[in-house]
Amino acid sequence: AKSIEITLYSKEEADQLQSLLQTKNQLISSLSTELEYRNEDVNALIAELQRLQAVQESIEKDAEIASSAIQTLERDLAEEVAKHESDIVRMSQLLKEKEDH
């Protein structure tokens, strides 16, 4: 047979326990609210981090495009310089031939 233990409290003890329970519940409610605020802060930080990552990716893509454009410009410039150098050599040869005649 199982025995059931019943504890009897005086009115004063019952009031104290009730008060402690209310204090505990208020503390739990307070902590819960604080946790919600912190959770919102964390979510805001995560959203900001995601935005910054998107900005970084965009900057990296722009940098790749710019780098490619710079390489193309450098190649084009080198070709132009080589063409002008070739023209200058040809013209100086023509001038030399003209002077020799």
N, C-alpha and C. Protein backbone atom coordinates (compact mmCIF):
# COMPACT_ATOMS: atom_id res chain seq x y z
N ALA A 1 0.85 -1.19 0.00
CA ALA A 1 0.00 0.00 0.00
C ALA A 1 0.88 1.23 0.00
N LYS A 2 0.46 2.21 -0.81
CA LYS A 2 1.21 3.45 -0.87
C LYS A 2 0.67 4.41 0.17
N SER A 3 1.61 5.18 0.72
CA SER A 3 1.14 6.17 1.69
C SER A 3 1.24 7.55 1.05
N ILE A 4 0.30 8.37 1.32
CA ILE A 4 0.28 9.75 0.82
C ILE A 4 0.62 10.65 1.98
N GLU A 5 1.63 11.48 1.74
CA GLU A 5 2.05 12.38 2.81
C GLU A 5 1.43 13.74 2.57
N ILE A 6 0.78 14.25 3.54
CA ILE A 6 0.15 15.56 3.44
C ILE A 6 0.84 16.48 4.42
N THR A 7 1.33 17.63 3.89
CA THR A 7 1.99 18.60 4.77
C THR A 7 1.03 19.75 4.99
N LEU A 8 0.83 20.08 6.19
CA LEU A 8 -0.05 21.20 6.53
C LEU A 8 0.82 22.40 6.87
N TYR A 9 0.46 23.53 6.27
CA TYR A 9 1.21 24.77 6.51
C TYR A 9 0.32 25.73 7.28
N SER A 10 0.96 26.52 8.10
CA SER A 10 0.21 27.57 8.78
C SER A 10 -0.13 28.65 7.76
N LYS A 11 -1.03 29.52 8.06
CA LYS A 11 -1.41 30.63 7.16
C LYS A 11 -0.18 31.45 6.82
N GLU A 12 0.65 31.72 7.82
CA GLU A 12 1.86 32.53 7.63
C GLU A 12 2.82 31.84 6.66
N GLU A 13 3.03 30.54 6.86
CA GLU A 13 3.92 29.79 5.97
C GLU A 13 3.35 29.72 4.55
N ALA A 14 2.06 29.53 4.45
CA ALA A 14 1.42 29.47 3.14
C ALA A 14 1.56 30.82 2.43
N ASP A 15 1.37 31.91 3.16
CA ASP A 15 1.54 33.25 2.56
C ASP A 15 2.98 33.46 2.10
N GLN A 16 3.93 33.00 2.90
CA GLN A 16 5.35 33.13 2.53
C GLN A 16 5.65 32.35 1.26
N LEU A 17 5.14 31.12 1.24
CA LEU A 17 5.36 30.29 0.04
C LEU A 17 4.71 30.91 -1.18
N GLN A 18 3.51 31.45 -1.00
CA GLN A 18 2.80 32.12 -2.11
C GLN A 18 3.62 33.32 -2.60
N SER A 19 4.16 34.08 -1.66
CA SER A 19 4.96 35.25 -2.00
C SER A 19 6.24 34.84 -2.75
N LEU A 20 6.89 33.77 -2.27
CA LEU A 20 8.10 33.27 -2.94
C LEU A 20 7.77 32.80 -4.35
N LEU A 21 6.63 32.13 -4.47
CA LEU A 21 6.21 31.64 -5.78
C LEU A 21 5.95 32.80 -6.74
N GLN A 22 5.31 33.85 -6.25
CA GLN A 22 5.05 35.04 -7.09
C GLN A 22 6.36 35.69 -7.50
N THR A 23 7.29 35.81 -6.55
CA THR A 23 8.60 36.40 -6.85
C THR A 23 9.32 35.57 -7.91
N LYS A 24 9.27 34.24 -7.75
CA LYS A 24 9.90 33.35 -8.71
C LYS A 24 9.27 33.52 -10.09
N ASN A 25 7.94 33.58 -10.15
CA ASN A 25 7.25 33.75 -11.42
C ASN A 25 7.58 35.10 -12.07
N GLN A 26 7.69 36.15 -11.25
CA GLN A 26 8.07 37.47 -11.78
C GLN A 26 9.48 37.43 -12.35
N LEU A 27 10.38 36.74 -11.65
CA LEU A 27 11.76 36.61 -12.11
C LEU A 27 11.80 35.84 -13.42
N ILE A 28 11.05 34.77 -13.51
CA ILE A 28 10.99 33.98 -14.74
C ILE A 28 10.44 34.85 -15.88
N SER A 29 9.40 35.61 -15.60
CA SER A 29 8.81 36.49 -16.61
C SER A 29 9.82 37.55 -17.06
N SER A 30 10.53 38.11 -16.10
CA SER A 30 11.56 39.12 -16.39
C SER A 30 12.67 38.53 -17.26
N LEU A 31 13.14 37.35 -16.87
CA LEU A 31 14.20 36.69 -17.63
C LEU A 31 13.71 36.32 -19.03
N SER A 32 12.48 35.91 -19.12
CA SER A 32 11.91 35.56 -20.42
C SER A 32 11.86 36.78 -21.33
N THR A 33 11.44 37.90 -20.78
CA THR A 33 11.40 39.16 -21.54
C THR A 33 12.81 39.56 -21.98
N GLU A 34 13.76 39.46 -21.06
CA GLU A 34 15.16 39.79 -21.37
C GLU A 34 15.69 38.88 -22.48
N LEU A 35 15.34 37.61 -22.40
CA LEU A 35 15.76 36.66 -23.42
C LEU A 35 15.16 37.01 -24.78
N GLU A 36 13.91 37.43 -24.79
CA GLU A 36 13.28 37.85 -26.05
C GLU A 36 14.01 39.05 -26.66
N TYR A 37 14.35 40.05 -25.80
CA TYR A 37 15.09 41.22 -26.29
C TYR A 37 16.44 40.79 -26.86
N ARG A 38 17.14 39.93 -26.14
CA ARG A 38 18.46 39.48 -26.62
C ARG A 38 18.33 38.70 -27.91
N ASN A 39 17.27 37.90 -28.00
CA ASN A 39 17.03 37.14 -29.21
C ASN A 39 16.78 38.08 -30.39
N GLU A 40 16.03 39.15 -30.15
CA GLU A 40 15.80 40.16 -31.19
C GLU A 40 17.11 40.80 -31.61
N ASP A 41 17.96 41.11 -30.60
CA ASP A 41 19.27 41.70 -30.89
C ASP A 41 20.12 40.75 -31.74
N VAL A 42 20.11 39.47 -31.37
CA VAL A 42 20.88 38.47 -32.12
C VAL A 42 20.35 38.38 -33.55
N ASN A 43 19.02 38.35 -33.69
CA ASN A 43 18.43 38.29 -35.04
C ASN A 43 18.79 39.52 -35.86
N ALA A 44 18.81 40.69 -35.22
CA ALA A 44 19.19 41.92 -35.93
C ALA A 44 20.67 41.84 -36.35
N LEU A 45 21.51 41.31 -35.47
CA LEU A 45 22.93 41.17 -35.80
C LEU A 45 23.13 40.18 -36.94
N ILE A 46 22.37 39.10 -36.92
CA ILE A 46 22.46 38.10 -38.00
C ILE A 46 22.04 38.74 -39.33
N ALA A 47 20.94 39.49 -39.30
CA ALA A 47 20.47 40.16 -40.52
C ALA A 47 21.51 41.15 -41.03
N GLU A 48 22.13 41.90 -40.12
CA GLU A 48 23.17 42.87 -40.52
C GLU A 48 24.38 42.14 -41.10
N LEU A 49 24.75 41.02 -40.49
CA LEU A 49 25.87 40.23 -40.99
C LEU A 49 25.57 39.71 -42.40
N GLN A 50 24.36 39.23 -42.61
CA GLN A 50 23.98 38.74 -43.94
C GLN A 50 24.02 39.88 -44.96
N ARG A 51 23.56 41.07 -44.55
CA ARG A 51 23.60 42.23 -45.46
C ARG A 51 25.05 42.57 -45.80
N LEU A 52 25.91 42.57 -44.79
CA LEU A 52 27.31 42.89 -45.02
C LEU A 52 27.99 41.84 -45.90
N GLN A 53 27.61 40.56 -45.72
CA GLN A 53 28.17 39.51 -46.58
C GLN A 53 27.75 39.73 -48.03
N ALA A 54 26.49 40.13 -48.23
CA ALA A 54 26.01 40.40 -49.59
C ALA A 54 26.77 41.58 -50.19
N VAL A 55 27.00 42.62 -49.38
CA VAL A 55 27.77 43.78 -49.84
C VAL A 55 29.20 43.34 -50.20
N GLN A 56 29.80 42.52 -49.33
CA GLN A 56 31.17 42.03 -49.60
C GLN A 56 31.21 41.24 -50.90
N GLU A 57 30.23 40.36 -51.10
CA GLU A 57 30.21 39.57 -52.34
C GLU A 57 30.07 40.48 -53.56
N SER A 58 29.24 41.50 -53.44
CA SER A 58 29.05 42.45 -54.53
C SER A 58 30.36 43.19 -54.82
N ILE A 59 31.05 43.60 -53.76
CA ILE A 59 32.33 44.31 -53.92
C ILE A 59 33.35 43.39 -54.59
N GLU A 60 33.37 42.12 -54.16
CA GLU A 60 34.32 41.16 -54.74
C GLU A 60 34.03 40.96 -56.23
N LYS A 61 32.74 40.87 -56.60
CA LYS A 61 32.38 40.73 -58.02
C LYS A 61 32.82 41.97 -58.80
N ASP A 62 32.54 43.16 -58.22
CA ASP A 62 32.95 44.41 -58.87
C ASP A 62 34.47 44.45 -59.04
N ALA A 63 35.19 43.97 -58.02
CA ALA A 63 36.66 43.97 -58.09
C ALA A 63 37.14 43.03 -59.19
N GLU A 64 36.48 41.88 -59.33
CA GLU A 64 36.86 40.95 -60.41
C GLU A 64 36.61 41.59 -61.77
N ILE A 65 35.47 42.25 -61.92
CA ILE A 65 35.15 42.92 -63.19
C ILE A 65 36.16 44.02 -63.48
N ALA A 66 36.47 44.81 -62.44
CA ALA A 66 37.44 45.90 -62.61
C ALA A 66 38.82 45.34 -62.97
N SER A 67 39.21 44.26 -62.30
CA SER A 67 40.51 43.65 -62.57
C SER A 67 40.58 43.16 -64.02
N SER A 68 39.51 42.53 -64.47
CA SER A 68 39.45 42.04 -65.85
C SER A 68 39.52 43.20 -66.83
N ALA A 69 38.79 44.28 -66.51
CA ALA A 69 38.80 45.47 -67.39
C ALA A 69 40.19 46.08 -67.43
N ILE A 70 40.87 46.13 -66.29
CA ILE A 70 42.22 46.69 -66.23
C ILE A 70 43.18 45.84 -67.08
N GLN A 71 43.06 44.51 -66.97
CA GLN A 71 43.91 43.63 -67.77
C GLN A 71 43.67 43.85 -69.26
N THR A 72 42.41 44.00 -69.63
CA THR A 72 42.08 44.26 -71.04
C THR A 72 42.68 45.59 -71.49
N LEU A 73 42.52 46.63 -70.66
CA LEU A 73 43.08 47.94 -71.00
C LEU A 73 44.60 47.88 -71.11
N GLU A 74 45.25 47.17 -70.18
CA GLU A 74 46.71 47.04 -70.23
C GLU A 74 47.14 46.34 -71.51
N ARG A 75 46.43 45.28 -71.88
CA ARG A 75 46.76 44.54 -73.11
C ARG A 75 46.56 45.44 -74.33
N ASP A 76 45.40 46.14 -74.36
CA ASP A 76 45.12 47.06 -75.48
C ASP A 76 46.18 48.15 -75.57
N LEU A 77 46.56 48.69 -74.41
CA LEU A 77 47.57 49.75 -74.38
C LEU A 77 48.92 49.23 -74.88
N ALA A 78 49.28 48.03 -74.45
CA ALA A 78 50.55 47.43 -74.90
C ALA A 78 50.53 47.23 -76.41
N GLU A 79 49.38 46.79 -76.95
CA GLU A 79 49.26 46.61 -78.40
C GLU A 79 49.40 47.95 -79.12
N GLU A 80 48.74 48.99 -78.58
CA GLU A 80 48.83 50.32 -79.19
C GLU A 80 50.26 50.84 -79.15
N VAL A 81 50.91 50.68 -77.99
CA VAL A 81 52.30 51.14 -77.85
C VAL A 81 53.19 50.40 -78.86
N ALA A 82 53.01 49.07 -78.96
CA ALA A 82 53.82 48.28 -79.91
C ALA A 82 53.57 48.75 -81.34
N LYS A 83 52.31 49.04 -81.65
CA LYS A 83 51.98 49.50 -83.01
C LYS A 83 52.65 50.85 -83.29
N HIS A 84 52.58 51.77 -82.30
CA HIS A 84 53.21 53.09 -82.48
C HIS A 84 54.72 52.97 -82.56
N GLU A 85 55.30 52.08 -81.74
CA GLU A 85 56.75 51.88 -81.81
C GLU A 85 57.14 51.36 -83.20
N SER A 86 56.33 50.45 -83.70
CA SER A 86 56.58 49.90 -85.03
C SER A 86 56.47 51.00 -86.08
N ASP A 87 55.45 51.87 -85.95
CA ASP A 87 55.28 52.99 -86.88
C ASP A 87 56.48 53.93 -86.80
N ILE A 88 56.95 54.19 -85.58
CA ILE A 88 58.09 55.10 -85.39
C ILE A 88 59.34 54.51 -86.04
N VAL A 89 59.57 53.23 -85.84
CA VAL A 89 60.74 52.57 -86.45
C VAL A 89 60.64 52.65 -87.96
N ARG A 90 59.44 52.37 -88.50
CA ARG A 90 59.25 52.43 -89.95
C ARG A 90 59.48 53.85 -90.48
N MET A 91 58.94 54.84 -89.76
CA MET A 91 59.11 56.23 -90.21
C MET A 91 60.57 56.65 -90.15
N SER A 92 61.26 56.24 -89.09
CA SER A 92 62.67 56.63 -89.00
C SER A 92 63.48 55.93 -90.08
N GLN A 93 63.10 54.72 -90.45
CA GLN A 93 63.79 54.04 -91.56
C GLN A 93 63.53 54.78 -92.87
N LEU A 94 62.26 55.23 -93.05
CA LEU A 94 61.93 55.98 -94.27
C LEU A 94 62.71 57.29 -94.32
N LEU A 95 62.79 57.97 -93.17
CA LEU A 95 63.55 59.22 -93.12
C LEU A 95 65.01 58.98 -93.42
N LYS A 96 65.55 57.91 -92.85
CA LYS A 96 66.97 57.58 -93.11
C LYS A 96 67.19 57.28 -94.58
N GLU A 97 66.27 56.51 -95.18
CA GLU A 97 66.40 56.19 -96.62
C GLU A 97 66.32 57.47 -97.45
N LYS A 98 65.41 58.38 -97.03
CA LYS A 98 65.24 59.65 -97.75
C LYS A 98 66.52 60.48 -97.66
N GLU A 99 67.10 60.47 -96.47
CA GLU A 99 68.33 61.24 -96.27
C GLU A 99 69.49 60.63 -97.06
N ASP A 100 69.48 59.31 -97.17
CA ASP A 100 70.58 58.62 -97.87
C ASP A 100 70.50 58.88 -99.38
N HIS A 101 69.30 59.19 -99.89
CA HIS A 101 69.16 59.43 -101.33
C HIS A 101 69.44 60.84 -101.71
